[in-house]
Structures are given as structure tokens and as C-alpha cells.
């Protein structure tokens, strides 16, 4: 059995024109459309494709955030994830929630769920840190491949193409491992209406 854990972050939708708050403390969040971070969506899609290929047996989506993060998790369930875990916090994810804290929370989930593979987006579009994946791998002492543009699983090994400034690196690592998804890994699906309705009824 191969369980895949996918990390998801709720961010301001990429198509929204952001505004600075009146007090100048950060981005205005009131009445702004939020959605799943695009790179997290790619990570989720890749996990679902592994299950469709009968490589993965279960996909667990996890999100850290306010109560509205449940909507992000339901989007993942509608796409094809099997279970969802919500770690509730009212801390502002784009300012106060540091990547190391996120990585430590994800480590606790990994230790409980015991996945063979963790797939995260390479970065979130609100903070652009690109450090949660590497920090999680370091905390777990697991192999890591960042900026994945192609993924193949063979037995207990992941063969990953990763994007660099000079071209493509092909890397082979043993599982369990952490992989962060780049833009060209896949094109995420749009959930169908019946899947969306079923996801609304699932327990988190």
C-alpha cells in the first residue's frame, strides 16, 4: 500500500488584483476571492494520477489555516483525494505563519499518517518562499526533490525530472520522500459537479 500526503494552502486567487490594507500592514483580505494555491493544485493532481495509475492506494490532503480552509480541502476531495485533514489556526498565513512552523506541523501529520510520499507545491503565490518542502524533508531526514516537472514511481524509487535555470536534472531517490511540484508537472483537472456535491458531504 502506498499512501500519498498532499499539502494544500489557501491563498488569494491568482486572478485577483491585490490591494494594500488601509493601515499599510499588508494585503487587504476582506471580501477577496480565495482559492487553492496553484502549485498545491498541481501537487494534488499528481497524487490523483498516481492513484489512477494504481501506484498510490490512498491520497490524504492536509491544509493549515482558518475555518475557510475546509473549502480548499473539499476542492481536493472533489478532485479525487480520499481523506482530508484540517489543522485550524487564525494566524495570517501570508504574514505570521512561517515556513518552519508549517513544516513542523506537516511533520507531525506525516508521523501519524506514515505516507510513502509527500507532494507539496514548490511555493505559494502569496509569500513565494519555496522553503516548506525542503524544511519538511530536513525535519524528517527524507530525500527531497524540488521543482519537479515529471514524476515516475518504480517499486520503492521515485524518478524525477526537476527544472533548473540551465535545463532539466533527472534525479532518482528512494521512498519515502518529499517532492515539490513545478508548473509543468501537469495540468490540474476541473472537478465534475457530482464530485463537488459528494465532497461537500464528506467528513474532514
C-alpha atoms as a PDB file:
ATOM      1  CA  UNK A   1       0.000   0.000   0.000  1.00  0.00           C
ATOM      2  CA  UNK A   2       1.230   3.449  -0.890  1.00  0.00           C
ATOM      3  CA  UNK A   3      -0.227   6.479   0.850  1.00  0.00           C
ATOM      4  CA  UNK A   4       0.461   9.940  -0.583  1.00  0.00           C
ATOM      5  CA  UNK A   5       0.164  13.061   1.552  1.00  0.00           C
ATOM      6  CA  UNK A   6      -0.534  16.342  -0.237  1.00  0.00           C
ATOM      7  CA  UNK A   7      -0.112  19.745   1.385  1.00  0.00           C
ATOM      8  CA  UNK A   8      -2.527  22.486   0.339  1.00  0.00           C
ATOM      9  CA  UNK A   9      -2.534  26.216   1.060  1.00  0.00           C
ATOM     10  CA  UNK A  10      -5.440  28.636   0.773  1.00  0.00           C
ATOM     11  CA  UNK A  11      -4.299  31.868  -0.906  1.00  0.00           C
ATOM     12  CA  UNK A  12      -5.757  34.888  -2.656  1.00  0.00           C
ATOM     13  CA  UNK A  13      -6.867  33.735  -6.093  1.00  0.00           C
ATOM     14  CA  UNK A  14      -4.157  34.279  -8.697  1.00  0.00           C
ATOM     15  CA  UNK A  15      -6.518  36.321 -10.891  1.00  0.00           C
ATOM     16  CA  UNK A  16      -7.377  38.831  -8.159  1.00  0.00           C
ATOM     17  CA  UNK A  17      -5.800  42.274  -8.220  1.00  0.00           C
ATOM     18  CA  UNK A  18      -4.420  42.599  -4.697  1.00  0.00           C
ATOM     19  CA  UNK A  19      -4.796  45.776  -2.623  1.00  0.00           C
ATOM     20  CA  UNK A  20      -2.776  47.070   0.303  1.00  0.00           C
ATOM     21  CA  UNK A  21      -4.785  47.430   3.508  1.00  0.00           C
ATOM     22  CA  UNK A  22      -5.633  50.944   4.663  1.00  0.00           C
ATOM     23  CA  UNK A  23      -3.207  50.808   7.570  1.00  0.00           C
ATOM     24  CA  UNK A  24      -0.396  49.639   5.287  1.00  0.00           C
ATOM     25  CA  UNK A  25       0.207  46.485   7.336  1.00  0.00           C
ATOM     26  CA  UNK A  26      -0.203  44.056   4.460  1.00  0.00           C
ATOM     27  CA  UNK A  27      -2.512  42.833   1.726  1.00  0.00           C
ATOM     28  CA  UNK A  28      -6.232  43.548   2.239  1.00  0.00           C
ATOM     29  CA  UNK A  29      -8.069  40.241   2.774  1.00  0.00           C
ATOM     30  CA  UNK A  30     -11.657  41.464   3.229  1.00  0.00           C
ATOM     31  CA  UNK A  31     -14.120  40.188   0.614  1.00  0.00           C
ATOM     32  CA  UNK A  32     -11.316  38.814  -1.547  1.00  0.00           C
ATOM     33  CA  UNK A  33     -11.722  35.607  -3.545  1.00  0.00           C
ATOM     34  CA  UNK A  34      -9.558  32.820  -2.132  1.00  0.00           C
ATOM     35  CA  UNK A  35      -8.601  29.542  -3.770  1.00  0.00           C
ATOM     36  CA  UNK A  36      -6.130  26.690  -3.647  1.00  0.00           C
ATOM     37  CA  UNK A  37      -2.535  27.737  -4.298  1.00  0.00           C
ATOM     38  CA  UNK A  38      -1.899  26.822  -7.986  1.00  0.00           C
ATOM     39  CA  UNK A  39       1.249  24.795  -7.225  1.00  0.00           C
ATOM     40  CA  UNK A  40      -0.611  22.892  -4.488  1.00  0.00           C
ATOM     41  CA  UNK A  41      -3.312  22.122  -7.046  1.00  0.00           C
ATOM     42  CA  UNK A  42      -0.642  20.631  -9.316  1.00  0.00           C
ATOM     43  CA  UNK A  43       0.662  18.561  -6.396  1.00  0.00           C
ATOM     44  CA  UNK A  44      -2.857  17.272  -5.717  1.00  0.00           C
ATOM     45  CA  UNK A  45      -3.406  16.403  -9.378  1.00  0.00           C
ATOM     46  CA  UNK A  46      -0.152  14.422  -9.486  1.00  0.00           C
ATOM     47  CA  UNK A  47      -1.149  12.403  -6.437  1.00  0.00           C
ATOM     48  CA  UNK A  48      -4.524  11.623  -8.034  1.00  0.00           C
ATOM     49  CA  UNK A  49      -2.796  10.496 -11.229  1.00  0.00           C
ATOM     50  CA  UNK A  50      -0.625   8.127  -9.188  1.00  0.00           C
ATOM     51  CA  UNK A  51      -3.798   6.608  -7.740  1.00  0.00           C
ATOM     52  CA  UNK A  52      -5.429   6.350 -11.158  1.00  0.00           C
ATOM     53  CA  UNK A  53      -2.311   4.516 -12.352  1.00  0.00           C
ATOM     54  CA  UNK A  54      -2.820   2.115  -9.393  1.00  0.00           C
ATOM     55  CA  UNK A  55       0.508   3.138  -7.889  1.00  0.00           C
ATOM     56  CA  UNK A  56      -0.907   5.036  -4.920  1.00  0.00           C
ATOM     57  CA  UNK A  57      -3.693   3.491  -2.850  1.00  0.00           C
ATOM     58  CA  UNK A  58      -4.752   6.481  -0.753  1.00  0.00           C
ATOM     59  CA  UNK A  59      -4.414  10.252  -1.013  1.00  0.00           C
ATOM     60  CA  UNK A  60      -4.597  12.363   2.138  1.00  0.00           C
ATOM     61  CA  UNK A  61      -4.885  16.136   1.730  1.00  0.00           C
ATOM     62  CA  UNK A  62      -3.852  18.419   4.588  1.00  0.00           C
ATOM     63  CA  UNK A  63      -4.283  22.167   4.979  1.00  0.00           C
ATOM     64  CA  UNK A  64      -3.291  24.574   7.738  1.00  0.00           C
ATOM     65  CA  UNK A  65      -5.453  27.653   8.059  1.00  0.00           C
ATOM     66  CA  UNK A  66      -8.713  29.250   9.184  1.00  0.00           C
ATOM     67  CA  UNK A  67     -12.091  27.506   9.054  1.00  0.00           C
ATOM     68  CA  UNK A  68     -12.429  28.572   5.412  1.00  0.00           C
ATOM     69  CA  UNK A  69      -9.506  26.265   4.541  1.00  0.00           C
ATOM     70  CA  UNK A  70     -12.105  23.492   4.649  1.00  0.00           C
ATOM     71  CA  UNK A  71     -13.281  24.782   1.243  1.00  0.00           C
ATOM     72  CA  UNK A  72      -9.787  24.182  -0.134  1.00  0.00           C
ATOM     73  CA  UNK A  73      -9.793  20.657   1.257  1.00  0.00           C
ATOM     74  CA  UNK A  74     -13.212  19.969  -0.247  1.00  0.00           C
ATOM     75  CA  UNK A  75     -11.832  21.063  -3.620  1.00  0.00           C
ATOM     76  CA  UNK A  76      -9.121  18.407  -3.215  1.00  0.00           C
ATOM     77  CA  UNK A  77     -11.735  15.792  -2.277  1.00  0.00           C
ATOM     78  CA  UNK A  78     -13.758  16.754  -5.357  1.00  0.00           C
ATOM     79  CA  UNK A  79     -10.629  16.321  -7.498  1.00  0.00           C
ATOM     80  CA  UNK A  80     -10.128  12.808  -6.130  1.00  0.00           C
ATOM     81  CA  UNK A  81      -8.395  12.872  -2.732  1.00  0.00           C
ATOM     82  CA  UNK A  82      -9.647  10.213  -0.308  1.00  0.00           C
ATOM     83  CA  UNK A  83      -9.340  11.987   3.035  1.00  0.00           C
ATOM     84  CA  UNK A  84      -8.682  15.486   4.305  1.00  0.00           C
ATOM     85  CA  UNK A  85      -7.098  16.865   7.469  1.00  0.00           C
ATOM     86  CA  UNK A  86      -7.639  20.447   8.611  1.00  0.00           C
ATOM     87  CA  UNK A  87      -5.205  21.999  11.093  1.00  0.00           C
ATOM     88  CA  UNK A  88      -7.059  25.063  12.340  1.00  0.00           C
ATOM     89  CA  UNK A  89      -5.331  28.375  13.022  1.00  0.00           C
ATOM     90  CA  UNK A  90      -6.338  32.023  12.843  1.00  0.00           C
ATOM     91  CA  UNK A  91      -2.759  33.154  12.227  1.00  0.00           C
ATOM     92  CA  UNK A  92      -2.356  35.056   8.938  1.00  0.00           C
ATOM     93  CA  UNK A  93      -0.769  32.599   6.541  1.00  0.00           C
ATOM     94  CA  UNK A  94       0.797  35.285   4.345  1.00  0.00           C
ATOM     95  CA  UNK A  95       2.495  37.104   7.242  1.00  0.00           C
ATOM     96  CA  UNK A  96       2.631  35.358  10.605  1.00  0.00           C
ATOM     97  CA  UNK A  97       2.789  31.669   9.653  1.00  0.00           C
ATOM     98  CA  UNK A  98       6.448  30.953   8.960  1.00  0.00           C
ATOM     99  CA  UNK A  99       7.546  28.042   6.732  1.00  0.00           C
ATOM    100  CA  UNK A 100       9.353  26.293   9.587  1.00  0.00           C
ATOM    101  CA  UNK A 101       6.173  26.254  11.678  1.00  0.00           C
ATOM    102  CA  UNK A 102       4.276  24.850   8.689  1.00  0.00           C
ATOM    103  CA  UNK A 103       6.943  22.188   8.167  1.00  0.00           C
ATOM    104  CA  UNK A 104       6.817  21.171  11.849  1.00  0.00           C
ATOM    105  CA  UNK A 105       3.024  20.783  11.697  1.00  0.00           C
ATOM    106  CA  UNK A 106       3.279  18.742   8.498  1.00  0.00           C
ATOM    107  CA  UNK A 107       5.964  16.576  10.117  1.00  0.00           C
ATOM    108  CA  UNK A 108       3.526  15.711  12.905  1.00  0.00           C
ATOM    109  CA  UNK A 109       0.924  14.690  10.301  1.00  0.00           C
ATOM    110  CA  UNK A 110       3.488  12.613   8.404  1.00  0.00           C
ATOM    111  CA  UNK A 111       4.498  10.792  11.586  1.00  0.00           C
ATOM    112  CA  UNK A 112       0.853   9.934  12.252  1.00  0.00           C
ATOM    113  CA  UNK A 113      -0.207   9.040   8.702  1.00  0.00           C
ATOM    114  CA  UNK A 114       3.055   7.316   7.594  1.00  0.00           C
ATOM    115  CA  UNK A 115       2.863   8.149   3.870  1.00  0.00           C
ATOM    116  CA  UNK A 116       5.374   6.813   1.348  1.00  0.00           C
ATOM    117  CA  UNK A 117       5.401  10.142  -0.476  1.00  0.00           C
ATOM    118  CA  UNK A 118       4.682  13.773   0.354  1.00  0.00           C
ATOM    119  CA  UNK A 119       3.936  16.112  -2.559  1.00  0.00           C
ATOM    120  CA  UNK A 120       3.805  19.864  -1.989  1.00  0.00           C
ATOM    121  CA  UNK A 121       3.649  22.827  -4.326  1.00  0.00           C
ATOM    122  CA  UNK A 122       7.108  24.275  -4.953  1.00  0.00           C
ATOM    123  CA  UNK A 123       5.955  27.565  -3.405  1.00  0.00           C
ATOM    124  CA  UNK A 124       2.855  29.542  -2.514  1.00  0.00           C
ATOM    125  CA  UNK A 125       1.972  32.575  -4.607  1.00  0.00           C
ATOM    126  CA  UNK A 126       1.452  34.797  -1.561  1.00  0.00           C
ATOM    127  CA  UNK A 127       4.872  34.521   0.117  1.00  0.00           C
ATOM    128  CA  UNK A 128       6.983  32.835  -2.619  1.00  0.00           C
ATOM    129  CA  UNK A 129       9.332  31.326  -0.045  1.00  0.00           C
ATOM    130  CA  UNK A 130       9.699  27.852  -1.601  1.00  0.00           C
ATOM    131  CA  UNK A 131      11.132  26.572   1.693  1.00  0.00           C
ATOM    132  CA  UNK A 132       8.421  24.464   3.359  1.00  0.00           C
ATOM    133  CA  UNK A 133       9.226  21.353   1.291  1.00  0.00           C
ATOM    134  CA  UNK A 134      12.987  21.451   1.952  1.00  0.00           C
ATOM    135  CA  UNK A 135      12.410  22.145   5.664  1.00  0.00           C
ATOM    136  CA  UNK A 136       9.967  19.243   5.961  1.00  0.00           C
ATOM    137  CA  UNK A 137      12.410  16.869   4.259  1.00  0.00           C
ATOM    138  CA  UNK A 138      15.175  18.001   6.612  1.00  0.00           C
ATOM    139  CA  UNK A 139      12.996  17.528   9.700  1.00  0.00           C
ATOM    140  CA  UNK A 140      12.021  14.028   8.533  1.00  0.00           C
ATOM    141  CA  UNK A 141      15.523  13.200   7.269  1.00  0.00           C
ATOM    142  CA  UNK A 142      13.928  12.124   3.969  1.00  0.00           C
ATOM    143  CA  UNK A 143      15.206  12.518   0.403  1.00  0.00           C
ATOM    144  CA  UNK A 144      13.953  15.650  -1.383  1.00  0.00           C
ATOM    145  CA  UNK A 145      13.467  16.728  -4.983  1.00  0.00           C
ATOM    146  CA  UNK A 146      12.268  20.276  -5.671  1.00  0.00           C
ATOM    147  CA  UNK A 147      10.768  21.849  -8.830  1.00  0.00           C
ATOM    148  CA  UNK A 148       9.524  18.523 -10.228  1.00  0.00           C
ATOM    149  CA  UNK A 149       8.319  18.637 -13.834  1.00  0.00           C
ATOM    150  CA  UNK A 150       7.965  14.846 -14.302  1.00  0.00           C
ATOM    151  CA  UNK A 151       7.458  12.029 -11.808  1.00  0.00           C
ATOM    152  CA  UNK A 152       7.665   8.269 -12.229  1.00  0.00           C
ATOM    153  CA  UNK A 153       7.411   5.734  -9.417  1.00  0.00           C
ATOM    154  CA  UNK A 154       9.060   2.326  -9.807  1.00  0.00           C
ATOM    155  CA  UNK A 155       8.868  -0.043  -6.824  1.00  0.00           C
ATOM    156  CA  UNK A 156      10.402   1.899  -3.922  1.00  0.00           C
ATOM    157  CA  UNK A 157      12.039   4.530  -6.102  1.00  0.00           C
ATOM    158  CA  UNK A 158      10.960   7.910  -7.498  1.00  0.00           C
ATOM    159  CA  UNK A 159      12.485   9.078 -10.778  1.00  0.00           C
ATOM    160  CA  UNK A 160      12.020  12.827 -11.046  1.00  0.00           C
ATOM    161  CA  UNK A 161      12.839  15.433 -13.676  1.00  0.00           C
ATOM    162  CA  UNK A 162      13.418  18.781 -11.999  1.00  0.00           C
ATOM    163  CA  UNK A 163      13.590  22.188 -13.615  1.00  0.00           C
ATOM    164  CA  UNK A 164      16.706  24.302 -13.170  1.00  0.00           C
ATOM    165  CA  UNK A 165      17.954  27.557 -14.683  1.00  0.00           C
ATOM    166  CA  UNK A 166      20.187  25.564 -17.023  1.00  0.00           C
ATOM    167  CA  UNK A 167      17.792  22.784 -18.059  1.00  0.00           C
ATOM    168  CA  UNK A 168      16.382  19.548 -16.658  1.00  0.00           C
ATOM    169  CA  UNK A 169      18.037  17.409 -13.992  1.00  0.00           C
ATOM    170  CA  UNK A 170      16.927  13.773 -13.764  1.00  0.00           C
ATOM    171  CA  UNK A 171      17.120  12.541 -10.171  1.00  0.00           C
ATOM    172  CA  UNK A 172      16.462   9.120  -8.661  1.00  0.00           C
ATOM    173  CA  UNK A 173      15.588   8.875  -4.962  1.00  0.00           C
ATOM    174  CA  UNK A 174      14.334   6.184  -2.614  1.00  0.00           C
ATOM    175  CA  UNK A 175      10.974   6.384  -0.865  1.00  0.00           C
ATOM    176  CA  UNK A 176       9.711   7.703   1.492  1.00  0.00           C
ATOM    177  CA  UNK A 177      10.478  11.152   0.099  1.00  0.00           C
ATOM    178  CA  UNK A 178       9.293  14.731  -0.285  1.00  0.00           C
ATOM    179  CA  UNK A 179       8.713  16.194  -3.759  1.00  0.00           C
ATOM    180  CA  UNK A 180       7.704  19.761  -4.638  1.00  0.00           C
ATOM    181  CA  UNK A 181       5.712  20.338  -7.825  1.00  0.00           C
ATOM    182  CA  UNK A 182       6.615  22.827 -10.532  1.00  0.00           C
ATOM    183  CA  UNK A 183       4.296  24.369 -13.114  1.00  0.00           C
ATOM    184  CA  UNK A 184       4.914  21.858 -15.925  1.00  0.00           C
ATOM    185  CA  UNK A 185       4.346  18.701 -13.867  1.00  0.00           C
ATOM    186  CA  UNK A 186       0.719  18.523 -15.058  1.00  0.00           C
ATOM    187  CA  UNK A 187      -2.456  20.457 -15.777  1.00  0.00           C
ATOM    188  CA  UNK A 188      -4.949  20.047 -12.920  1.00  0.00           C
ATOM    189  CA  UNK A 189      -8.439  18.797 -13.726  1.00  0.00           C
ATOM    190  CA  UNK A 190     -11.679  20.645 -13.070  1.00  0.00           C
ATOM    191  CA  UNK A 191     -13.833  18.614 -10.670  1.00  0.00           C
ATOM    192  CA  UNK A 192     -17.194  17.491 -12.053  1.00  0.00           C
ATOM    193  CA  UNK A 193     -20.391  18.643 -10.351  1.00  0.00           C
ATOM    194  CA  UNK A 194     -21.276  15.214  -8.850  1.00  0.00           C
ATOM    195  CA  UNK A 195     -17.789  15.029  -7.319  1.00  0.00           C
ATOM    196  CA  UNK A 196     -18.182  18.533  -5.868  1.00  0.00           C
ATOM    197  CA  UNK A 197     -21.531  17.604  -4.311  1.00  0.00           C
ATOM    198  CA  UNK A 198     -20.121  14.363  -2.828  1.00  0.00           C
ATOM    199  CA  UNK A 199     -17.133  16.258  -1.417  1.00  0.00           C
ATOM    200  CA  UNK A 200     -19.466  18.642   0.437  1.00  0.00           C
ATOM    201  CA  UNK A 201     -20.886  15.689   2.394  1.00  0.00           C
ATOM    202  CA  UNK A 202     -17.575  14.093   3.353  1.00  0.00           C
ATOM    203  CA  UNK A 203     -16.324  14.359   6.914  1.00  0.00           C
ATOM    204  CA  UNK A 204     -12.968  16.037   7.428  1.00  0.00           C
END
